Amino acid sequence: MPDPHTIDVWINQTPHTLPAEATLADAVRVSGVQPPFAAAVNLQFVPRSQYAQQRLQAQDRIELISPVTGG
């Protein structure tokens, strides 16, 4: 039976278990991704100013995308 105190999410296609009250800011911390990057939850862009307010749900798919330079 699932633990009611945690949720399972995907960060850059890798499964992670976070506290049930986790936000996007928490996901960024556990990911280890360093700025600059853009974030999306379930393919919806989230502005950096909203990371701490963006609550996550079980099975959310979080993408942290770093810019690519060069040509």
PDB file of N, CA and C in Angstrom:
ATOM      1  N   MET A   1       0.848  -1.183   0.000  1.00  0.00           N
ATOM      2  CA  MET A   1       0.000   0.000   0.000  1.00  0.00           C
ATOM      3  C   MET A   1       0.894   1.247   0.000  1.00  0.00           C
ATOM      4  N   PRO A   2       0.541   2.266  -0.794  1.00  0.00           N
ATOM      5  CA  PRO A   2       1.376   3.468  -0.870  1.00  0.00           C
ATOM      6  C   PRO A   2       1.441   4.207   0.469  1.00  0.00           C
ATOM      7  N   ASP A   3       2.567   4.838   0.712  1.00  0.00           N
ATOM      8  CA  ASP A   3       2.744   5.637   1.927  1.00  0.00           C
ATOM      9  C   ASP A   3       1.991   6.956   1.753  1.00  0.00           C
ATOM     10  N   PRO A   4       1.030   7.273   2.632  1.00  0.00           N
ATOM     11  CA  PRO A   4       0.264   8.517   2.484  1.00  0.00           C
ATOM     12  C   PRO A   4       1.095   9.772   2.746  1.00  0.00           C
ATOM     13  N   HIS A   5       2.314   9.606   3.228  1.00  0.00           N
ATOM     14  CA  HIS A   5       3.175  10.747   3.522  1.00  0.00           C
ATOM     15  C   HIS A   5       4.143  11.071   2.396  1.00  0.00           C
ATOM     16  N   THR A   6       4.087  10.304   1.314  1.00  0.00           N
ATOM     17  CA  THR A   6       4.985  10.536   0.178  1.00  0.00           C
ATOM     18  C   THR A   6       4.215  10.457  -1.133  1.00  0.00           C
ATOM     19  N   ILE A   7       4.829  11.019  -2.171  1.00  0.00           N
ATOM     20  CA  ILE A   7       4.309  10.884  -3.538  1.00  0.00           C
ATOM     21  C   ILE A   7       5.467  10.460  -4.438  1.00  0.00           C
ATOM     22  N   ASP A   8       5.144   9.747  -5.483  1.00  0.00           N
ATOM     23  CA  ASP A   8       6.133   9.364  -6.488  1.00  0.00           C
ATOM     24  C   ASP A   8       5.946  10.273  -7.692  1.00  0.00           C
ATOM     25  N   VAL A   9       7.028  10.902  -8.132  1.00  0.00           N
ATOM     26  CA  VAL A   9       7.011  11.781  -9.295  1.00  0.00           C
ATOM     27  C   VAL A   9       8.158  11.386 -10.212  1.00  0.00           C
ATOM     28  N   TRP A  10       8.157  11.941 -11.400  1.00  0.00           N
ATOM     29  CA  TRP A  10       9.235  11.728 -12.371  1.00  0.00           C
ATOM     30  C   TRP A  10       9.929  13.059 -12.586  1.00  0.00           C
ATOM     31  N   ILE A  11      11.246  13.077 -12.424  1.00  0.00           N
ATOM     32  CA  ILE A  11      12.045  14.273 -12.698  1.00  0.00           C
ATOM     33  C   ILE A  11      13.018  13.914 -13.803  1.00  0.00           C
ATOM     34  N   ASN A  12      12.848  14.547 -14.958  1.00  0.00           N
ATOM     35  CA  ASN A  12      13.670  14.244 -16.142  1.00  0.00           C
ATOM     36  C   ASN A  12      13.707  12.738 -16.407  1.00  0.00           C
ATOM     37  N   GLN A  13      12.554  12.115 -16.419  1.00  0.00           N
ATOM     38  CA  GLN A  13      12.341  10.689 -16.705  1.00  0.00           C
ATOM     39  C   GLN A  13      12.910   9.738 -15.657  1.00  0.00           C
ATOM     40  N   THR A  14      13.266  10.257 -14.475  1.00  0.00           N
ATOM     41  CA  THR A  14      13.784   9.419 -13.398  1.00  0.00           C
ATOM     42  C   THR A  14      12.803   9.453 -12.235  1.00  0.00           C
ATOM     43  N   PRO A  15      12.418   8.289 -11.698  1.00  0.00           N
ATOM     44  CA  PRO A  15      11.465   8.295 -10.575  1.00  0.00           C
ATOM     45  C   PRO A  15      12.096   8.806  -9.290  1.00  0.00           C
ATOM     46  N   HIS A  16      11.321   9.576  -8.541  1.00  0.00           N
ATOM     47  CA  HIS A  16      11.730  10.101  -7.240  1.00  0.00           C
ATOM     48  C   HIS A  16      10.549  10.015  -6.290  1.00  0.00           C
ATOM     49  N   THR A  17      10.839   9.805  -5.017  1.00  0.00           N
ATOM     50  CA  THR A  17       9.818   9.844  -3.980  1.00  0.00           C
ATOM     51  C   THR A  17      10.046  11.104  -3.162  1.00  0.00           C
ATOM     52  N   LEU A  18       8.983  11.902  -3.030  1.00  0.00           N
ATOM     53  CA  LEU A  18       9.047  13.164  -2.302  1.00  0.00           C
ATOM     54  C   LEU A  18       7.995  13.179  -1.206  1.00  0.00           C
ATOM     55  N   PRO A  19       8.116  14.085  -0.233  1.00  0.00           N
ATOM     56  CA  PRO A  19       7.058  14.221   0.771  1.00  0.00           C
ATOM     57  C   PRO A  19       5.735  14.600   0.101  1.00  0.00           C
ATOM     58  N   ALA A  20       4.634  14.200   0.693  1.00  0.00           N
ATOM     59  CA  ALA A  20       3.308  14.449   0.114  1.00  0.00           C
ATOM     60  C   ALA A  20       3.040  15.935  -0.114  1.00  0.00           C
ATOM     61  N   GLU A  21       3.656  16.800   0.673  1.00  0.00           N
ATOM     62  CA  GLU A  21       3.441  18.251   0.549  1.00  0.00           C
ATOM     63  C   GLU A  21       4.471  18.921  -0.373  1.00  0.00           C
ATOM     64  N   ALA A  22       5.187  18.151  -1.167  1.00  0.00           N
ATOM     65  CA  ALA A  22       6.295  18.678  -1.965  1.00  0.00           C
ATOM     66  C   ALA A  22       5.833  19.708  -2.992  1.00  0.00           C
ATOM     67  N   THR A  23       6.736  20.645  -3.252  1.00  0.00           N
ATOM     68  CA  THR A  23       6.528  21.658  -4.284  1.00  0.00           C
ATOM     69  C   THR A  23       7.574  21.465  -5.380  1.00  0.00           C
ATOM     70  N   LEU A  24       7.418  22.224  -6.436  1.00  0.00           N
ATOM     71  CA  LEU A  24       8.404  22.184  -7.510  1.00  0.00           C
ATOM     72  C   LEU A  24       9.784  22.584  -6.982  1.00  0.00           C
ATOM     73  N   ALA A  25       9.843  23.518  -6.042  1.00  0.00           N
ATOM     74  CA  ALA A  25      11.128  23.911  -5.452  1.00  0.00           C
ATOM     75  C   ALA A  25      11.810  22.708  -4.796  1.00  0.00           C
ATOM     76  N   ASP A  26      11.039  21.851  -4.138  1.00  0.00           N
ATOM     77  CA  ASP A  26      11.605  20.645  -3.526  1.00  0.00           C
ATOM     78  C   ASP A  26      12.159  19.704  -4.593  1.00  0.00           C
ATOM     79  N   ALA A  27      11.432  19.558  -5.682  1.00  0.00           N
ATOM     80  CA  ALA A  27      11.881  18.687  -6.769  1.00  0.00           C
ATOM     81  C   ALA A  27      13.182  19.209  -7.376  1.00  0.00           C
ATOM     82  N   VAL A  28      13.278  20.519  -7.539  1.00  0.00           N
ATOM     83  CA  VAL A  28      14.509  21.112  -8.074  1.00  0.00           C
ATOM     84  C   VAL A  28      15.679  20.796  -7.147  1.00  0.00           C
ATOM     85  N   ARG A  29      15.467  20.926  -5.836  1.00  0.00           N
ATOM     86  CA  ARG A  29      16.540  20.648  -4.870  1.00  0.00           C
ATOM     87  C   ARG A  29      17.033  19.209  -4.982  1.00  0.00           C
ATOM     88  N   VAL A  30      16.124  18.239  -5.038  1.00  0.00           N
ATOM     89  CA  VAL A  30      16.570  16.838  -5.077  1.00  0.00           C
ATOM     90  C   VAL A  30      17.154  16.452  -6.427  1.00  0.00           C
ATOM     91  N   SER A  31      16.817  17.202  -7.472  1.00  0.00           N
ATOM     92  CA  SER A  31      17.302  16.856  -8.809  1.00  0.00           C
ATOM     93  C   SER A  31      18.792  17.115  -8.977  1.00  0.00           C
ATOM     94  N   GLY A  32      19.288  18.131  -8.283  1.00  0.00           N
ATOM     95  CA  GLY A  32      20.694  18.501  -8.432  1.00  0.00           C
ATOM     96  C   GLY A  32      20.970  19.329  -9.674  1.00  0.00           C
ATOM     97  N   VAL A  33      19.948  19.677 -10.444  1.00  0.00           N
ATOM     98  CA  VAL A  33      20.130  20.498 -11.640  1.00  0.00           C
ATOM     99  C   VAL A  33      20.504  21.915 -11.212  1.00  0.00           C
ATOM    100  N   GLN A  34      21.518  22.457 -11.867  1.00  0.00           N
ATOM    101  CA  GLN A  34      21.993  23.800 -11.547  1.00  0.00           C
ATOM    102  C   GLN A  34      21.453  24.814 -12.553  1.00  0.00           C
ATOM    103  N   PRO A  35      21.148  26.035 -12.090  1.00  0.00           N
ATOM    104  CA  PRO A  35      20.690  27.088 -13.017  1.00  0.00           C
ATOM    105  C   PRO A  35      21.774  27.386 -14.041  1.00  0.00           C
ATOM    106  N   PRO A  36      21.413  27.874 -15.200  1.00  0.00           N
ATOM    107  CA  PRO A  36      20.049  28.230 -15.597  1.00  0.00           C
ATOM    108  C   PRO A  36      19.296  27.016 -16.142  1.00  0.00           C
ATOM    109  N   PHE A  37      17.999  27.007 -15.928  1.00  0.00           N
ATOM    110  CA  PHE A  37      17.126  25.979 -16.484  1.00  0.00           C
ATOM    111  C   PHE A  37      15.695  26.493 -16.489  1.00  0.00           C
ATOM    112  N   ALA A  38      14.875  25.861 -17.284  1.00  0.00           N
ATOM    113  CA  ALA A  38      13.437  26.123 -17.294  1.00  0.00           C
ATOM    114  C   ALA A  38      12.761  24.901 -16.705  1.00  0.00           C
ATOM    115  N   ALA A  39      11.594  25.099 -16.096  1.00  0.00           N
ATOM    116  CA  ALA A  39      10.882  23.987 -15.468  1.00  0.00           C
ATOM    117  C   ALA A  39       9.470  23.877 -16.033  1.00  0.00           C
ATOM    118  N   ALA A  40       9.044  22.631 -16.200  1.00  0.00           N
ATOM    119  CA  ALA A  40       7.670  22.355 -16.627  1.00  0.00           C
ATOM    120  C   ALA A  40       7.150  21.197 -15.789  1.00  0.00           C
ATOM    121  N   VAL A  41       5.876  21.272 -15.446  1.00  0.00           N
ATOM    122  CA  VAL A  41       5.198  20.181 -14.752  1.00  0.00           C
ATOM    123  C   VAL A  41       4.089  19.707 -15.676  1.00  0.00           C
ATOM    124  N   ASN A  42       4.143  18.442 -16.055  1.00  0.00           N
ATOM    125  CA  ASN A  42       3.166  17.869 -16.994  1.00  0.00           C
ATOM    126  C   ASN A  42       3.056  18.719 -18.263  1.00  0.00           C
ATOM    127  N   LEU A  43       4.232  19.102 -18.777  1.00  0.00           N
ATOM    128  CA  LEU A  43       4.383  19.865 -20.025  1.00  0.00           C
ATOM    129  C   LEU A  43       3.894  21.305 -19.939  1.00  0.00           C
ATOM    130  N   GLN A  44       3.608  21.800 -18.726  1.00  0.00           N
ATOM    131  CA  GLN A  44       3.196  23.192 -18.541  1.00  0.00           C
ATOM    132  C   GLN A  44       4.343  23.960 -17.892  1.00  0.00           C
ATOM    133  N   PHE A  45       4.820  25.011 -18.603  1.00  0.00           N
ATOM    134  CA  PHE A  45       5.897  25.845 -18.084  1.00  0.00           C
ATOM    135  C   PHE A  45       5.480  26.460 -16.747  1.00  0.00           C
ATOM    136  N   VAL A  46       6.416  26.504 -15.796  1.00  0.00           N
ATOM    137  CA  VAL A  46       6.176  27.136 -14.493  1.00  0.00           C
ATOM    138  C   VAL A  46       7.240  28.219 -14.309  1.00  0.00           C
ATOM    139  N   PRO A  47       6.830  29.483 -14.123  1.00  0.00           N
ATOM    140  CA  PRO A  47       7.816  30.542 -13.885  1.00  0.00           C
ATOM    141  C   PRO A  47       8.577  30.303 -12.581  1.00  0.00           C
ATOM    142  N   ARG A  48       9.844  30.680 -12.560  1.00  0.00           N
ATOM    143  CA  ARG A  48      10.692  30.469 -11.385  1.00  0.00           C
ATOM    144  C   ARG A  48      10.044  31.056 -10.132  1.00  0.00           C
ATOM    145  N   SER A  49       9.352  32.177 -10.252  1.00  0.00           N
ATOM    146  CA  SER A  49       8.722  32.820  -9.096  1.00  0.00           C
ATOM    147  C   SER A  49       7.610  31.964  -8.485  1.00  0.00           C
ATOM    148  N   GLN A  50       7.164  30.927  -9.188  1.00  0.00           N
ATOM    149  CA  GLN A  50       6.077  30.070  -8.707  1.00  0.00           C
ATOM    150  C   GLN A  50       6.542  28.704  -8.202  1.00  0.00           C
ATOM    151  N   TYR A  51       7.830  28.423  -8.245  1.00  0.00           N
ATOM    152  CA  TYR A  51       8.320  27.095  -7.849  1.00  0.00           C
ATOM    153  C   TYR A  51       7.871  26.708  -6.436  1.00  0.00           C
ATOM    154  N   ALA A  52       7.969  27.635  -5.485  1.00  0.00           N
ATOM    155  CA  ALA A  52       7.636  27.312  -4.090  1.00  0.00           C
ATOM    156  C   ALA A  52       6.131  27.142  -3.877  1.00  0.00           C
ATOM    157  N   GLN A  53       5.313  27.695  -4.766  1.00  0.00           N
ATOM    158  CA  GLN A  53       3.859  27.578  -4.641  1.00  0.00           C
ATOM    159  C   GLN A  53       3.280  26.422  -5.451  1.00  0.00           C
ATOM    160  N   GLN A  54       4.053  25.912  -6.402  1.00  0.00           N
ATOM    161  CA  GLN A  54       3.561  24.853  -7.302  1.00  0.00           C
ATOM    162  C   GLN A  54       3.582  23.508  -6.586  1.00  0.00           C
ATOM    163  N   ARG A  55       2.441  23.106  -6.030  1.00  0.00           N
ATOM    164  CA  ARG A  55       2.337  21.816  -5.341  1.00  0.00           C
ATOM    165  C   ARG A  55       2.368  20.695  -6.361  1.00  0.00           C
ATOM    166  N   LEU A  56       3.021  19.618  -5.993  1.00  0.00           N
ATOM    167  CA  LEU A  56       3.115  18.456  -6.870  1.00  0.00           C
ATOM    168  C   LEU A  56       2.095  17.406  -6.463  1.00  0.00           C
ATOM    169  N   GLN A  57       1.697  16.604  -7.435  1.00  0.00           N
ATOM    170  CA  GLN A  57       0.775  15.502  -7.234  1.00  0.00           C
ATOM    171  C   GLN A  57       1.483  14.208  -7.625  1.00  0.00           C
ATOM    172  N   ALA A  58       0.998  13.103  -7.099  1.00  0.00           N
ATOM    173  CA  ALA A  58       1.569  11.800  -7.446  1.00  0.00           C
ATOM    174  C   ALA A  58       1.572  11.621  -8.962  1.00  0.00           C
ATOM    175  N   GLN A  59       2.672  11.101  -9.467  1.00  0.00           N
ATOM    176  CA  GLN A  59       2.896  10.791 -10.877  1.00  0.00           C
ATOM    177  C   GLN A  59       3.087  12.021 -11.764  1.00  0.00           C
ATOM    178  N   ASP A  60       3.259  13.218 -11.174  1.00  0.00           N
ATOM    179  CA  ASP A  60       3.585  14.385 -11.985  1.00  0.00           C
ATOM    180  C   ASP A  60       4.894  14.123 -12.714  1.00  0.00           C
ATOM    181  N   ARG A  61       4.997  14.691 -13.887  1.00  0.00           N
ATOM    182  CA  ARG A  61       6.215  14.592 -14.696  1.00  0.00           C
ATOM    183  C   ARG A  61       6.844  15.981 -14.760  1.00  0.00           C
ATOM    184  N   ILE A  62       8.018  16.095 -14.163  1.00  0.00           N
ATOM    185  CA  ILE A  62       8.734  17.363 -14.064  1.00  0.00           C
ATOM    186  C   ILE A  62       9.911  17.321 -15.020  1.00  0.00           C
ATOM    187  N   GLU A  63      10.006  18.350 -15.823  1.00  0.00           N
ATOM    188  CA  GLU A  63      11.142  18.474 -16.743  1.00  0.00           C
ATOM    189  C   GLU A  63      11.926  19.713 -16.354  1.00  0.00           C
ATOM    190  N   LEU A  64      13.217  19.557 -16.121  1.00  0.00           N
ATOM    191  CA  LEU A  64      14.129  20.665 -15.835  1.00  0.00           C
ATOM    192  C   LEU A  64      15.089  20.727 -17.001  1.00  0.00           C
ATOM    193  N   ILE A  65      14.947  21.763 -17.807  1.00  0.00           N
ATOM    194  CA  ILE A  65      15.616  21.822 -19.102  1.00  0.00           C
ATOM    195  C   ILE A  65      16.643  22.941 -19.117  1.00  0.00           C
ATOM    196  N   SER A  66      17.907  22.565 -19.294  1.00  0.00           N
ATOM    197  CA  SER A  66      18.978  23.548 -19.387  1.00  0.00           C
ATOM    198  C   SER A  66      19.116  24.025 -20.830  1.00  0.00           C
ATOM    199  N   PRO A  67      19.447  25.322 -21.020  1.00  0.00           N
ATOM    200  CA  PRO A  67      19.616  25.817 -22.383  1.00  0.00           C
ATOM    201  C   PRO A  67      20.832  25.175 -23.050  1.00  0.00           C
ATOM    202  N   VAL A  68      20.759  25.032 -24.341  1.00  0.00           N
ATOM    203  CA  VAL A  68      21.856  24.483 -25.130  1.00  0.00           C
ATOM    204  C   VAL A  68      22.445  25.626 -25.946  1.00  0.00           C
ATOM    205  N   THR A  69      23.749  25.809 -25.856  1.00  0.00           N
ATOM    206  CA  THR A  69      24.385  26.863 -26.623  1.00  0.00           C
ATOM    207  C   THR A  69      25.208  26.249 -27.744  1.00  0.00           C
ATOM    208  N   GLY A  70      25.541  27.084 -28.672  1.00  0.00           N
ATOM    209  CA  GLY A  70      26.331  26.589 -29.804  1.00  0.00           C
ATOM    210  C   GLY A  70      25.502  26.570 -31.062  1.00  0.00           C
ATOM    211  N   GLY A  71      26.063  26.052 -32.121  1.00  0.00           N
ATOM    212  CA  GLY A  71      25.325  26.112 -33.353  1.00  0.00           C
ATOM    213  C   GLY A  71      25.605  25.005 -34.273  1.00  0.00           C
TER     214      GLY A  71
END
